[in-house]
C-alpha atoms as a PDB file:
ATOM      1  CA  MET A   1     -39.940   4.684  53.020  1.00  0.00           C
ATOM      2  CA  ASN A   2     -37.949   6.565  55.634  1.00  0.00           C
ATOM      3  CA  GLU A   3     -35.174   4.008  55.239  1.00  0.00           C
ATOM      4  CA  ASP A   4     -34.873   4.822  51.532  1.00  0.00           C
ATOM      5  CA  LEU A   5     -34.661   8.508  52.299  1.00  0.00           C
ATOM      6  CA  VAL A   6     -31.984   7.908  54.954  1.00  0.00           C
ATOM      7  CA  ILE A   7     -29.991   5.711  52.560  1.00  0.00           C
ATOM      8  CA  LYS A   8     -30.191   8.331  49.787  1.00  0.00           C
ATOM      9  CA  LYS A   9     -29.121  11.039  52.214  1.00  0.00           C
ATOM     10  CA  LEU A  10     -26.229   8.880  53.427  1.00  0.00           C
ATOM     11  CA  ILE A  11     -25.061   8.271  49.850  1.00  0.00           C
ATOM     12  CA  THR A  12     -25.256  11.993  49.129  1.00  0.00           C
ATOM     13  CA  LEU A  13     -23.246  12.789  52.248  1.00  0.00           C
ATOM     14  CA  GLU A  14     -20.595  10.209  51.322  1.00  0.00           C
ATOM     15  CA  GLU A  15     -20.281  11.779  47.876  1.00  0.00           C
ATOM     16  CA  ASP A  16     -19.969  15.215  49.457  1.00  0.00           C
ATOM     17  CA  VAL A  17     -17.229  13.960  51.777  1.00  0.00           C
ATOM     18  CA  ALA A  18     -15.369  12.492  48.791  1.00  0.00           C
ATOM     19  CA  VAL A  19     -15.575  15.847  46.976  1.00  0.00           C
ATOM     20  CA  ILE A  20     -14.325  17.688  50.060  1.00  0.00           C
ATOM     21  CA  LYS A  21     -11.390  15.274  50.432  1.00  0.00           C
ATOM     22  CA  GLU A  22     -10.509  15.786  46.769  1.00  0.00           C
ATOM     23  CA  LYS A  23     -10.605  19.571  47.155  1.00  0.00           C
ATOM     24  CA  ALA A  24      -8.472  19.377  50.318  1.00  0.00           C
ATOM     25  CA  ALA A  25      -5.879  17.293  48.470  1.00  0.00           C
ATOM     26  CA  LYS A  26      -5.792  19.863  45.662  1.00  0.00           C
ATOM     27  CA  LEU A  27      -5.359  22.670  48.178  1.00  0.00           C
ATOM     28  CA  ASP A  28      -2.456  20.811  49.789  1.00  0.00           C
ATOM     29  CA  MET A  29      -0.807  20.404  46.387  1.00  0.00           C
ATOM     30  CA  PHE A  30      -1.395  24.090  45.629  1.00  0.00           C
ATOM     31  CA  ASP A  31       0.105  25.067  48.984  1.00  0.00           C
ATOM     32  CA  THR A  32       3.170  22.939  48.244  1.00  0.00           C
ATOM     33  CA  LEU A  33       3.488  24.593  44.843  1.00  0.00           C
ATOM     34  CA  LEU A  34       3.265  28.089  46.324  1.00  0.00           C
ATOM     35  CA  THR A  35       5.807  27.230  49.005  1.00  0.00           C
ATOM     36  CA  GLY A  36       8.239  26.125  46.302  1.00  0.00           C
ATOM     37  CA  GLN A  37       7.627  29.293  44.324  1.00  0.00           C
ATOM     38  CA  ASP A  38       8.229  31.413  47.427  1.00  0.00           C
ATOM     39  CA  LYS A  39      11.600  29.709  47.884  1.00  0.00           C
ATOM     40  CA  MET A  40      12.476  30.344  44.226  1.00  0.00           C
ATOM     41  CA  ILE A  41      11.539  34.020  44.546  1.00  0.00           C
ATOM     42  CA  LYS A  42      13.791  34.375  47.600  1.00  0.00           C
ATOM     43  CA  ILE A  43      16.679  32.814  45.671  1.00  0.00           C
ATOM     44  CA  LEU A  44      16.060  35.086  42.672  1.00  0.00           C
ATOM     45  CA  ASP A  45      15.902  38.177  44.896  1.00  0.00           C
ATOM     46  CA  ARG A  46      19.215  37.230  46.489  1.00  0.00           C
ATOM     47  CA  LEU A  47      20.806  36.625  43.084  1.00  0.00           C
ATOM     48  CA  ASP A  48      19.535  39.992  41.859  1.00  0.00           C
ATOM     49  CA  GLN A  49      21.053  41.736  44.875  1.00  0.00           C
ATOM     50  CA  GLU A  50      24.348  39.926  44.334  1.00  0.00           C
ATOM     51  CA  ARG A  51      24.304  40.983  40.660  1.00  0.00           C
ATOM     52  CA  ILE A  52      23.804  44.622  41.629  1.00  0.00           C
ATOM     53  CA  PHE A  53      26.679  44.552  44.136  1.00  0.00           C
ATOM     54  CA  THR A  54      28.921  42.663  41.705  1.00  0.00           C
ATOM     55  CA  ASN A  55      28.286  45.216  38.959  1.00  0.00           C
ATOM     56  CA  GLU A  56      29.085  48.050  41.349  1.00  0.00           C
ATOM     57  CA  LYS A  57      32.318  46.364  42.428  1.00  0.00           C
ATOM     58  CA  ILE A  58      33.280  45.842  38.762  1.00  0.00           C
ATOM     59  CA  ASN A  59      32.708  49.547  38.119  1.00  0.00           C
ATOM     60  CA  GLN A  60      34.897  50.432  41.102  1.00  0.00           C
ATOM     61  CA  LEU A  61      37.670  48.102  39.925  1.00  0.00           C
ATOM     62  CA  GLU A  62      37.525  49.521  36.392  1.00  0.00           C
ATOM     63  CA  ALA A  63      37.834  53.028  37.819  1.00  0.00           C
ATOM     64  CA  ASP A  64      40.818  51.906  39.908  1.00  0.00           C
ATOM     65  CA  ILE A  65      42.443  50.370  36.825  1.00  0.00           C
ATOM     66  CA  GLN A  66      41.965  53.592  34.880  1.00  0.00           C
ATOM     67  CA  ARG A  67      43.463  55.590  37.758  1.00  0.00           C
ATOM     68  CA  ILE A  68      46.465  53.268  37.972  1.00  0.00           C
ATOM     69  CA  LYS A  69      46.985  53.404  34.202  1.00  0.00           C
ATOM     70  CA  LEU A  70      46.998  57.193  34.367  1.00  0.00           C
ATOM     71  CA  GLN A  71      49.533  57.115  37.193  1.00  0.00           C
ATOM     72  CA  LEU A  72      51.771  54.789  35.160  1.00  0.00           C
ATOM     73  CA  ASN A  73      51.230  56.812  31.986  1.00  0.00           C
ATOM     74  CA  MET A  74      49.729  53.791  30.232  1.00  0.00           C
ATOM     75  CA  ALA A  75      46.460  55.359  29.218  1.00  0.00           C
END
């Protein structure tokens, strides 16, 4: 009778180990996903900063063009 109980307990423990391995694999996949998203966010932040600086430079160049046009009496 004790042997049956030990066998049942062993089967239960094996099932628990299988569930834990499955959860660990899912966590690894989730970690990989989050790592990829972190990289994408860094790229998007950099692009946003570049857009801001580019827009400012465009505004400066447009102001310079207007100033030059006024100096050449083209405006």
